[in-house]
Amino acid sequence: MESVRTVVLGKPVFLLTGAKPRKSKENVSTSLDVEAPEKLLETARRNPDAVAFGFVAGSWVASA
């Protein structure tokens, strides 16, 4: 399983599931396809100390 590292609300976090890197022509990841990004932001606001999130059963959960 490959996780994605990104920045959410100004803090670096890992997205364990629910996000896939979108490749550009140079084969370099420049953006992400994220499931329900508004729910991710809401979950990140509720869990400001979390460093990892996963998308499970249609919602984001703080994992660590």
Protein backbone atom coordinates (compact mmCIF):
# COMPACT_ATOMS: atom_id res chain seq x y z
CA MET A 1 0.00 0.00 0.00
CA GLU A 2 1.38 3.38 -0.98
CA SER A 3 0.48 6.46 1.05
CA VAL A 4 0.56 10.01 -0.22
CA ARG A 5 2.21 12.86 1.67
CA THR A 6 0.61 16.28 1.26
CA VAL A 7 -0.20 19.48 3.15
CA VAL A 8 -3.65 20.00 4.69
CA LEU A 9 -4.43 23.25 6.49
CA GLY A 10 -0.74 24.18 6.44
CA LYS A 11 0.43 20.93 8.06
CA PRO A 12 2.16 17.97 6.36
CA VAL A 13 0.06 14.79 6.62
CA PHE A 14 -0.15 11.31 5.11
CA LEU A 15 -3.25 10.19 3.22
CA LEU A 16 -3.30 6.43 3.65
CA THR A 17 -6.30 5.81 1.39
CA GLY A 18 -8.64 7.98 -0.64
CA ALA A 19 -6.04 9.86 -2.68
CA LYS A 20 -4.10 9.02 -5.82
CA PRO A 21 -1.29 11.07 -7.35
CA ARG A 22 -2.06 12.46 -10.80
CA LYS A 23 0.96 12.08 -13.09
CA SER A 24 2.06 14.79 -15.50
CA LYS A 25 3.83 14.34 -18.84
CA GLU A 26 7.23 14.30 -17.14
CA ASN A 27 6.03 11.43 -14.88
CA VAL A 28 6.21 13.70 -11.83
CA SER A 29 3.31 13.90 -9.41
CA THR A 30 1.97 17.45 -9.42
CA SER A 31 -1.52 17.08 -7.97
CA LEU A 32 -3.85 14.63 -6.25
CA ASP A 33 -7.23 13.10 -6.93
CA VAL A 34 -8.81 13.19 -3.45
CA GLU A 35 -12.09 11.55 -2.49
CA ALA A 36 -14.46 14.06 -0.81
CA PRO A 37 -11.91 16.85 -0.21
CA GLU A 38 -14.40 18.95 1.77
CA LYS A 39 -14.84 16.09 4.25
CA LEU A 40 -11.05 15.79 4.56
CA LEU A 41 -10.77 19.48 5.49
CA GLU A 42 -13.57 19.12 8.05
CA THR A 43 -11.91 16.07 9.62
CA ALA A 44 -8.53 17.82 9.69
CA ARG A 45 -10.09 20.79 11.52
CA ARG A 46 -11.68 18.46 14.10
CA ASN A 47 -8.38 16.57 14.61
CA PRO A 48 -5.61 19.21 14.48
CA ASP A 49 -2.97 16.86 15.98
CA ALA A 50 -3.50 14.04 13.46
CA VAL A 51 -0.66 13.25 11.06
CA ALA A 52 -2.43 10.60 8.94
CA PHE A 53 -5.92 10.23 7.50
CA GLY A 54 -7.75 7.44 5.73
CA PHE A 55 -10.93 7.37 3.64
CA VAL A 56 -13.20 4.61 5.02
CA ALA A 57 -16.86 3.90 4.20
CA GLY A 58 -17.42 7.32 2.59
CA SER A 59 -15.80 9.50 5.23
CA TRP A 60 -12.33 10.56 6.34
CA VAL A 61 -10.97 9.37 9.70
CA ALA A 62 -7.89 10.46 11.62
CA SER A 63 -5.52 7.49 11.75
CA ALA A 64 -2.57 8.74 13.74
